Amino acid sequence: MHVEPGLIGTNRVLQFSVTDDPSVEEEARRMGMTLVTMGPAKAFFTAFQVAMYGGIVLAAPFIFYFVATFVFPALKMKENIT
């Protein structure tokens, strides 16, 4: 696989492209990397945890915004941060 720039409409993006070159496949086999899991469900739980933590990171600004819009109207002008 290669990462290369591409166009989608008028936007420039990075995209993956798959090569069918056998020499690249041989080079990858010589590296000798294998995926090792310690249990049958470990790969699933790892992917699930990455997705959960990523979702929390992406949702955090919205959560803080909605909590702030709920709390700030109840504060007095002296207590208000804004």
PDB file of N, CA and C in Angstrom:
ATOM      1  N   MET A   1       0.838  -1.177   0.000  1.00  0.00           N
ATOM      2  CA  MET A   1       0.000   0.000   0.000  1.00  0.00           C
ATOM      3  C   MET A   1       0.877   1.232   0.000  1.00  0.00           C
ATOM      4  N   HIS A   2       0.405   2.244  -0.657  1.00  0.00           N
ATOM      5  CA  HIS A   2       1.089   3.530  -0.707  1.00  0.00           C
ATOM      6  C   HIS A   2       0.113   4.623  -0.317  1.00  0.00           C
ATOM      7  N   VAL A   3       0.623   5.645   0.328  1.00  0.00           N
ATOM      8  CA  VAL A   3      -0.169   6.842   0.606  1.00  0.00           C
ATOM      9  C   VAL A   3       0.294   7.895  -0.380  1.00  0.00           C
ATOM     10  N   GLU A   4      -0.667   8.425  -1.122  1.00  0.00           N
ATOM     11  CA  GLU A   4      -0.319   9.417  -2.135  1.00  0.00           C
ATOM     12  C   GLU A   4      -1.421  10.474  -2.200  1.00  0.00           C
ATOM     13  N   PRO A   5      -1.075  11.676  -2.664  1.00  0.00           N
ATOM     14  CA  PRO A   5      -2.101  12.719  -2.775  1.00  0.00           C
ATOM     15  C   PRO A   5      -3.062  12.397  -3.921  1.00  0.00           C
ATOM     16  N   GLY A   6      -4.293  12.813  -3.733  1.00  0.00           N
ATOM     17  CA  GLY A   6      -5.307  12.598  -4.764  1.00  0.00           C
ATOM     18  C   GLY A   6      -6.334  13.707  -4.724  1.00  0.00           C
ATOM     19  N   LEU A   7      -7.210  13.715  -5.702  1.00  0.00           N
ATOM     20  CA  LEU A   7      -8.259  14.721  -5.787  1.00  0.00           C
ATOM     21  C   LEU A   7      -9.622  14.067  -5.659  1.00  0.00           C
ATOM     22  N   ILE A   8     -10.469  14.643  -4.823  1.00  0.00           N
ATOM     23  CA  ILE A   8     -11.872  14.269  -4.745  1.00  0.00           C
ATOM     24  C   ILE A   8     -12.637  15.561  -5.004  1.00  0.00           C
ATOM     25  N   GLY A   9     -13.185  15.680  -6.183  1.00  0.00           N
ATOM     26  CA  GLY A   9     -13.806  16.938  -6.586  1.00  0.00           C
ATOM     27  C   GLY A   9     -12.724  18.000  -6.707  1.00  0.00           C
ATOM     28  N   THR A  10     -12.828  19.047  -5.907  1.00  0.00           N
ATOM     29  CA  THR A  10     -11.807  20.094  -5.909  1.00  0.00           C
ATOM     30  C   THR A  10     -10.923  20.017  -4.673  1.00  0.00           C
ATOM     31  N   ASN A  11     -11.102  18.996  -3.842  1.00  0.00           N
ATOM     32  CA  ASN A  11     -10.344  18.852  -2.598  1.00  0.00           C
ATOM     33  C   ASN A  11      -9.148  17.947  -2.806  1.00  0.00           C
ATOM     34  N   ARG A  12      -8.020  18.348  -2.244  1.00  0.00           N
ATOM     35  CA  ARG A  12      -6.836  17.489  -2.243  1.00  0.00           C
ATOM     36  C   ARG A  12      -6.840  16.676  -0.962  1.00  0.00           C
ATOM     37  N   VAL A  13      -6.696  15.361  -1.102  1.00  0.00           N
ATOM     38  CA  VAL A  13      -6.723  14.469   0.038  1.00  0.00           C
ATOM     39  C   VAL A  13      -5.583  13.463  -0.089  1.00  0.00           C
ATOM     40  N   LEU A  14      -5.269  12.785   1.022  1.00  0.00           N
ATOM     41  CA  LEU A  14      -4.340  11.667   0.981  1.00  0.00           C
ATOM     42  C   LEU A  14      -5.153  10.398   0.830  1.00  0.00           C
ATOM     43  N   GLN A  15      -4.711   9.514  -0.050  1.00  0.00           N
ATOM     44  CA  GLN A  15      -5.444   8.285  -0.278  1.00  0.00           C
ATOM     45  C   GLN A  15      -4.489   7.103  -0.327  1.00  0.00           C
ATOM     46  N   PHE A  16      -5.007   5.939   0.026  1.00  0.00           N
ATOM     47  CA  PHE A  16      -4.235   4.708  -0.047  1.00  0.00           C
ATOM     48  C   PHE A  16      -4.396   4.119  -1.431  1.00  0.00           C
ATOM     49  N   SER A  17      -3.319   3.592  -1.968  1.00  0.00           N
ATOM     50  CA  SER A  17      -3.409   2.857  -3.221  1.00  0.00           C
ATOM     51  C   SER A  17      -2.704   1.520  -3.031  1.00  0.00           C
ATOM     52  N   VAL A  18      -3.287   0.492  -3.579  1.00  0.00           N
ATOM     53  CA  VAL A  18      -2.756  -0.855  -3.455  1.00  0.00           C
ATOM     54  C   VAL A  18      -1.970  -1.178  -4.712  1.00  0.00           C
ATOM     55  N   THR A  19      -0.764  -1.708  -4.521  1.00  0.00           N
ATOM     56  CA  THR A  19       0.042  -2.113  -5.662  1.00  0.00           C
ATOM     57  C   THR A  19       0.037  -3.633  -5.787  1.00  0.00           C
ATOM     58  N   ASP A  20       0.080  -4.103  -7.001  1.00  0.00           N
ATOM     59  CA  ASP A  20       0.140  -5.543  -7.262  1.00  0.00           C
ATOM     60  C   ASP A  20       1.560  -5.987  -7.596  1.00  0.00           C
ATOM     61  N   ASP A  21       2.548  -5.180  -7.235  1.00  0.00           N
ATOM     62  CA  ASP A  21       3.941  -5.486  -7.537  1.00  0.00           C
ATOM     63  C   ASP A  21       4.420  -6.628  -6.650  1.00  0.00           C
ATOM     64  N   PRO A  22       4.858  -7.763  -7.225  1.00  0.00           N
ATOM     65  CA  PRO A  22       5.284  -8.899  -6.401  1.00  0.00           C
ATOM     66  C   PRO A  22       6.549  -8.619  -5.598  1.00  0.00           C
ATOM     67  N   SER A  23       7.408  -7.705  -6.047  1.00  0.00           N
ATOM     68  CA  SER A  23       8.629  -7.420  -5.291  1.00  0.00           C
ATOM     69  C   SER A  23       8.303  -6.734  -3.961  1.00  0.00           C
ATOM     70  N   VAL A  24       7.261  -5.930  -3.944  1.00  0.00           N
ATOM     71  CA  VAL A  24       6.846  -5.272  -2.708  1.00  0.00           C
ATOM     72  C   VAL A  24       6.320  -6.313  -1.727  1.00  0.00           C
ATOM     73  N   GLU A  25       5.593  -7.297  -2.241  1.00  0.00           N
ATOM     74  CA  GLU A  25       5.077  -8.355  -1.386  1.00  0.00           C
ATOM     75  C   GLU A  25       6.218  -9.181  -0.791  1.00  0.00           C
ATOM     76  N   GLU A  26       7.209  -9.480  -1.581  1.00  0.00           N
ATOM     77  CA  GLU A  26       8.366 -10.224  -1.082  1.00  0.00           C
ATOM     78  C   GLU A  26       9.117  -9.435  -0.011  1.00  0.00           C
ATOM     79  N   GLU A  27       9.246  -8.126  -0.224  1.00  0.00           N
ATOM     80  CA  GLU A  27       9.928  -7.281   0.768  1.00  0.00           C
ATOM     81  C   GLU A  27       9.160  -7.279   2.085  1.00  0.00           C
ATOM     82  N   ALA A  28       7.842  -7.246   2.011  1.00  0.00           N
ATOM     83  CA  ALA A  28       7.024  -7.277   3.224  1.00  0.00           C
ATOM     84  C   ALA A  28       7.167  -8.616   3.941  1.00  0.00           C
ATOM     85  N   ARG A  29       7.270  -9.692   3.197  1.00  0.00           N
ATOM     86  CA  ARG A  29       7.439 -11.012   3.819  1.00  0.00           C
ATOM     87  C   ARG A  29       8.802 -11.138   4.488  1.00  0.00           C
ATOM     88  N   ARG A  30       9.831 -10.506   3.906  1.00  0.00           N
ATOM     89  CA  ARG A  30      11.161 -10.568   4.503  1.00  0.00           C
ATOM     90  C   ARG A  30      11.241  -9.815   5.820  1.00  0.00           C
ATOM     91  N   MET A  31      10.385  -8.828   6.017  1.00  0.00           N
ATOM     92  CA  MET A  31      10.382  -8.085   7.281  1.00  0.00           C
ATOM     93  C   MET A  31       9.990  -8.982   8.437  1.00  0.00           C
ATOM     94  N   GLY A  32       9.169  -9.978   8.192  1.00  0.00           N
ATOM     95  CA  GLY A  32       8.825 -10.963   9.207  1.00  0.00           C
ATOM     96  C   GLY A  32       7.938 -10.441  10.319  1.00  0.00           C
ATOM     97  N   MET A  33       7.101  -9.458  10.047  1.00  0.00           N
ATOM     98  CA  MET A  33       6.203  -8.949  11.078  1.00  0.00           C
ATOM     99  C   MET A  33       4.921  -9.759  11.086  1.00  0.00           C
ATOM    100  N   THR A  34       4.492 -10.124  12.281  1.00  0.00           N
ATOM    101  CA  THR A  34       3.231 -10.833  12.438  1.00  0.00           C
ATOM    102  C   THR A  34       2.432 -10.185  13.562  1.00  0.00           C
ATOM    103  N   LEU A  35       1.133 -10.291  13.456  1.00  0.00           N
ATOM    104  CA  LEU A  35       0.247  -9.777  14.486  1.00  0.00           C
ATOM    105  C   LEU A  35       0.096 -10.844  15.558  1.00  0.00           C
ATOM    106  N   VAL A  36       0.418 -10.492  16.784  1.00  0.00           N
ATOM    107  CA  VAL A  36       0.340 -11.446  17.888  1.00  0.00           C
ATOM    108  C   VAL A  36      -0.766 -10.999  18.829  1.00  0.00           C
ATOM    109  N   THR A  37      -1.696 -11.888  19.087  1.00  0.00           N
ATOM    110  CA  THR A  37      -2.747 -11.608  20.058  1.00  0.00           C
ATOM    111  C   THR A  37      -2.663 -12.646  21.165  1.00  0.00           C
ATOM    112  N   MET A  38      -2.967 -12.232  22.374  1.00  0.00           N
ATOM    113  CA  MET A  38      -2.868 -13.115  23.527  1.00  0.00           C
ATOM    114  C   MET A  38      -4.162 -13.860  23.818  1.00  0.00           C
ATOM    115  N   GLY A  39      -5.180 -13.595  23.059  1.00  0.00           N
ATOM    116  CA  GLY A  39      -6.450 -14.279  23.265  1.00  0.00           C
ATOM    117  C   GLY A  39      -7.311 -14.130  22.027  1.00  0.00           C
ATOM    118  N   PRO A  40      -8.354 -14.933  21.908  1.00  0.00           N
ATOM    119  CA  PRO A  40      -9.176 -14.883  20.703  1.00  0.00           C
ATOM    120  C   PRO A  40      -9.955 -13.576  20.549  1.00  0.00           C
ATOM    121  N   ALA A  41     -10.318 -12.939  21.635  1.00  0.00           N
ATOM    122  CA  ALA A  41     -11.119 -11.722  21.550  1.00  0.00           C
ATOM    123  C   ALA A  41     -10.292 -10.461  21.783  1.00  0.00           C
ATOM    124  N   LYS A  42      -8.984 -10.599  21.990  1.00  0.00           N
ATOM    125  CA  LYS A  42      -8.148  -9.447  22.324  1.00  0.00           C
ATOM    126  C   LYS A  42      -8.115  -8.418  21.194  1.00  0.00           C
ATOM    127  N   ALA A  43      -8.064  -8.854  19.947  1.00  0.00           N
ATOM    128  CA  ALA A  43      -8.028  -7.926  18.817  1.00  0.00           C
ATOM    129  C   ALA A  43      -9.327  -7.123  18.748  1.00  0.00           C
ATOM    130  N   PHE A  44     -10.457  -7.783  18.987  1.00  0.00           N
ATOM    131  CA  PHE A  44     -11.739  -7.080  18.982  1.00  0.00           C
ATOM    132  C   PHE A  44     -11.795  -6.034  20.090  1.00  0.00           C
ATOM    133  N   PHE A  45     -11.386  -6.401  21.293  1.00  0.00           N
ATOM    134  CA  PHE A  45     -11.446  -5.465  22.411  1.00  0.00           C
ATOM    135  C   PHE A  45     -10.474  -4.305  22.228  1.00  0.00           C
ATOM    136  N   THR A  46      -9.339  -4.551  21.604  1.00  0.00           N
ATOM    137  CA  THR A  46      -8.400  -3.468  21.334  1.00  0.00           C
ATOM    138  C   THR A  46      -9.015  -2.471  20.359  1.00  0.00           C
ATOM    139  N   ALA A  47      -9.620  -2.965  19.287  1.00  0.00           N
ATOM    140  CA  ALA A  47     -10.278  -2.085  18.326  1.00  0.00           C
ATOM    141  C   ALA A  47     -11.442  -1.339  18.981  1.00  0.00           C
ATOM    142  N   PHE A  48     -12.176  -2.023  19.851  1.00  0.00           N
ATOM    143  CA  PHE A  48     -13.301  -1.397  20.543  1.00  0.00           C
ATOM    144  C   PHE A  48     -12.816  -0.278  21.469  1.00  0.00           C
ATOM    145  N   GLN A  49     -11.730  -0.522  22.193  1.00  0.00           N
ATOM    146  CA  GLN A  49     -11.193   0.503  23.089  1.00  0.00           C
ATOM    147  C   GLN A  49     -10.681   1.713  22.317  1.00  0.00           C
ATOM    148  N   VAL A  50     -10.014   1.485  21.212  1.00  0.00           N
ATOM    149  CA  VAL A  50      -9.543   2.606  20.386  1.00  0.00           C
ATOM    150  C   VAL A  50     -10.729   3.425  19.889  1.00  0.00           C
ATOM    151  N   ALA A  51     -11.790   2.747  19.461  1.00  0.00           N
ATOM    152  CA  ALA A  51     -12.985   3.452  18.994  1.00  0.00           C
ATOM    153  C   ALA A  51     -13.654   4.234  20.121  1.00  0.00           C
ATOM    154  N   MET A  52     -13.727   3.661  21.308  1.00  0.00           N
ATOM    155  CA  MET A  52     -14.357   4.345  22.442  1.00  0.00           C
ATOM    156  C   MET A  52     -13.560   5.580  22.856  1.00  0.00           C
ATOM    157  N   TYR A  53     -12.235   5.431  23.002  1.00  0.00           N
ATOM    158  CA  TYR A  53     -11.409   6.572  23.396  1.00  0.00           C
ATOM    159  C   TYR A  53     -11.415   7.658  22.318  1.00  0.00           C
ATOM    160  N   GLY A  54     -11.393   7.254  21.072  1.00  0.00           N
ATOM    161  CA  GLY A  54     -11.474   8.231  19.984  1.00  0.00           C
ATOM    162  C   GLY A  54     -12.799   8.975  20.003  1.00  0.00           C
ATOM    163  N   GLY A  55     -13.885   8.256  20.272  1.00  0.00           N
ATOM    164  CA  GLY A  55     -15.197   8.894  20.363  1.00  0.00           C
ATOM    165  C   GLY A  55     -15.282   9.870  21.517  1.00  0.00           C
ATOM    166  N   ILE A  56     -14.677   9.508  22.635  1.00  0.00           N
ATOM    167  CA  ILE A  56     -14.676  10.414  23.796  1.00  0.00           C
ATOM    168  C   ILE A  56     -13.889  11.685  23.469  1.00  0.00           C
ATOM    169  N   VAL A  57     -12.751  11.520  22.825  1.00  0.00           N
ATOM    170  CA  VAL A  57     -11.932  12.693  22.472  1.00  0.00           C
ATOM    171  C   VAL A  57     -12.677  13.586  21.490  1.00  0.00           C
ATOM    172  N   LEU A  58     -13.333  12.991  20.511  1.00  0.00           N
ATOM    173  CA  LEU A  58     -14.063  13.792  19.526  1.00  0.00           C
ATOM    174  C   LEU A  58     -15.313  14.440  20.109  1.00  0.00           C
ATOM    175  N   ALA A  59     -15.951  13.790  21.082  1.00  0.00           N
ATOM    176  CA  ALA A  59     -17.186  14.317  21.655  1.00  0.00           C
ATOM    177  C   ALA A  59     -16.944  15.284  22.803  1.00  0.00           C
ATOM    178  N   ALA A  60     -15.748  15.312  23.380  1.00  0.00           N
ATOM    179  CA  ALA A  60     -15.475  16.125  24.566  1.00  0.00           C
ATOM    180  C   ALA A  60     -15.799  17.614  24.380  1.00  0.00           C
ATOM    181  N   PRO A  61     -15.419  18.259  23.286  1.00  0.00           N
ATOM    182  CA  PRO A  61     -15.781  19.682  23.153  1.00  0.00           C
ATOM    183  C   PRO A  61     -17.287  19.920  23.170  1.00  0.00           C
ATOM    184  N   PHE A  62     -18.048  19.045  22.551  1.00  0.00           N
ATOM    185  CA  PHE A  62     -19.506  19.201  22.544  1.00  0.00           C
ATOM    186  C   PHE A  62     -20.087  18.971  23.935  1.00  0.00           C
ATOM    187  N   ILE A  63     -19.572  17.993  24.637  1.00  0.00           N
ATOM    188  CA  ILE A  63     -20.049  17.728  25.998  1.00  0.00           C
ATOM    189  C   ILE A  63     -19.773  18.921  26.897  1.00  0.00           C
ATOM    190  N   PHE A  64     -18.554  19.468  26.829  1.00  0.00           N
ATOM    191  CA  PHE A  64     -18.226  20.663  27.631  1.00  0.00           C
ATOM    192  C   PHE A  64     -19.120  21.834  27.263  1.00  0.00           C
ATOM    193  N   TYR A  65     -19.401  22.013  25.969  1.00  0.00           N
ATOM    194  CA  TYR A  65     -20.258  23.111  25.535  1.00  0.00           C
ATOM    195  C   TYR A  65     -21.670  22.962  26.111  1.00  0.00           C
ATOM    196  N   PHE A  66     -22.251  21.769  26.023  1.00  0.00           N
ATOM    197  CA  PHE A  66     -23.615  21.570  26.508  1.00  0.00           C
ATOM    198  C   PHE A  66     -23.697  21.665  28.027  1.00  0.00           C
ATOM    199  N   VAL A  67     -22.699  21.207  28.730  1.00  0.00           N
ATOM    200  CA  VAL A  67     -22.680  21.360  30.183  1.00  0.00           C
ATOM    201  C   VAL A  67     -22.569  22.842  30.542  1.00  0.00           C
ATOM    202  N   ALA A  68     -21.726  23.576  29.819  1.00  0.00           N
ATOM    203  CA  ALA A  68     -21.567  25.008  30.097  1.00  0.00           C
ATOM    204  C   ALA A  68     -22.854  25.766  29.818  1.00  0.00           C
ATOM    205  N   THR A  69     -23.555  25.447  28.726  1.00  0.00           N
ATOM    206  CA  THR A  69     -24.807  26.143  28.435  1.00  0.00           C
ATOM    207  C   THR A  69     -25.890  25.803  29.451  1.00  0.00           C
ATOM    208  N   PHE A  70     -25.761  24.673  30.141  1.00  0.00           N
ATOM    209  CA  PHE A  70     -26.713  24.319  31.186  1.00  0.00           C
ATOM    210  C   PHE A  70     -26.379  25.025  32.496  1.00  0.00           C
ATOM    211  N   VAL A  71     -25.076  25.159  32.816  1.00  0.00           N
ATOM    212  CA  VAL A  71     -24.670  25.684  34.117  1.00  0.00           C
ATOM    213  C   VAL A  71     -24.599  27.210  34.121  1.00  0.00           C
ATOM    214  N   PHE A  72     -24.095  27.837  33.067  1.00  0.00           N
ATOM    215  CA  PHE A  72     -23.862  29.285  33.078  1.00  0.00           C
ATOM    216  C   PHE A  72     -25.107  30.131  33.328  1.00  0.00           C
ATOM    217  N   PRO A  73     -26.294  29.802  32.824  1.00  0.00           N
ATOM    218  CA  PRO A  73     -27.457  30.642  33.136  1.00  0.00           C
ATOM    219  C   PRO A  73     -27.808  30.673  34.624  1.00  0.00           C
ATOM    220  N   ALA A  74     -27.422  29.686  35.394  1.00  0.00           N
ATOM    221  CA  ALA A  74     -27.739  29.646  36.820  1.00  0.00           C
ATOM    222  C   ALA A  74     -26.754  30.452  37.653  1.00  0.00           C
ATOM    223  N   LEU A  75     -25.640  30.853  37.083  1.00  0.00           N
ATOM    224  CA  LEU A  75     -24.640  31.614  37.836  1.00  0.00           C
ATOM    225  C   LEU A  75     -25.008  33.089  37.883  1.00  0.00           C
ATOM    226  N   LYS A  76     -24.590  33.746  38.953  1.00  0.00           N
ATOM    227  CA  LYS A  76     -24.766  35.189  39.050  1.00  0.00           C
ATOM    228  C   LYS A  76     -23.684  35.857  38.209  1.00  0.00           C
ATOM    229  N   MET A  77     -23.828  37.138  37.924  1.00  0.00           N
ATOM    230  CA  MET A  77     -22.849  37.848  37.096  1.00  0.00           C
ATOM    231  C   MET A  77     -21.466  37.807  37.731  1.00  0.00           C
ATOM    232  N   LYS A  78     -21.390  37.857  39.068  1.00  0.00           N
ATOM    233  CA  LYS A  78     -20.108  37.799  39.749  1.00  0.00           C
ATOM    234  C   LYS A  78     -19.427  36.447  39.549  1.00  0.00           C
ATOM    235  N   GLU A  79     -20.216  35.378  39.491  1.00  0.00           N
ATOM    236  CA  GLU A  79     -19.664  34.025  39.362  1.00  0.00           C
ATOM    237  C   GLU A  79     -19.425  33.623  37.919  1.00  0.00           C
ATOM    238  N   ASN A  80     -20.048  34.302  36.999  1.00  0.00           N
ATOM    239  CA  ASN A  80     -19.967  33.934  35.589  1.00  0.00           C
ATOM    240  C   ASN A  80     -18.547  34.134  35.072  1.00  0.00           C
ATOM    241  N   ILE A  81     -18.027  33.165  34.355  1.00  0.00           N
ATOM    242  CA  ILE A  81     -16.645  33.197  33.864  1.00  0.00           C
ATOM    243  C   ILE A  81     -16.530  34.063  32.628  1.00  0.00           C
ATOM    244  N   THR A  82     -17.562  34.102  31.793  1.00  0.00           N
ATOM    245  CA  THR A  82     -17.467  34.804  30.513  1.00  0.00           C
ATOM    246  C   THR A  82     -17.437  36.259  30.635  1.00  0.00           C
TER     247      THR A  82
END
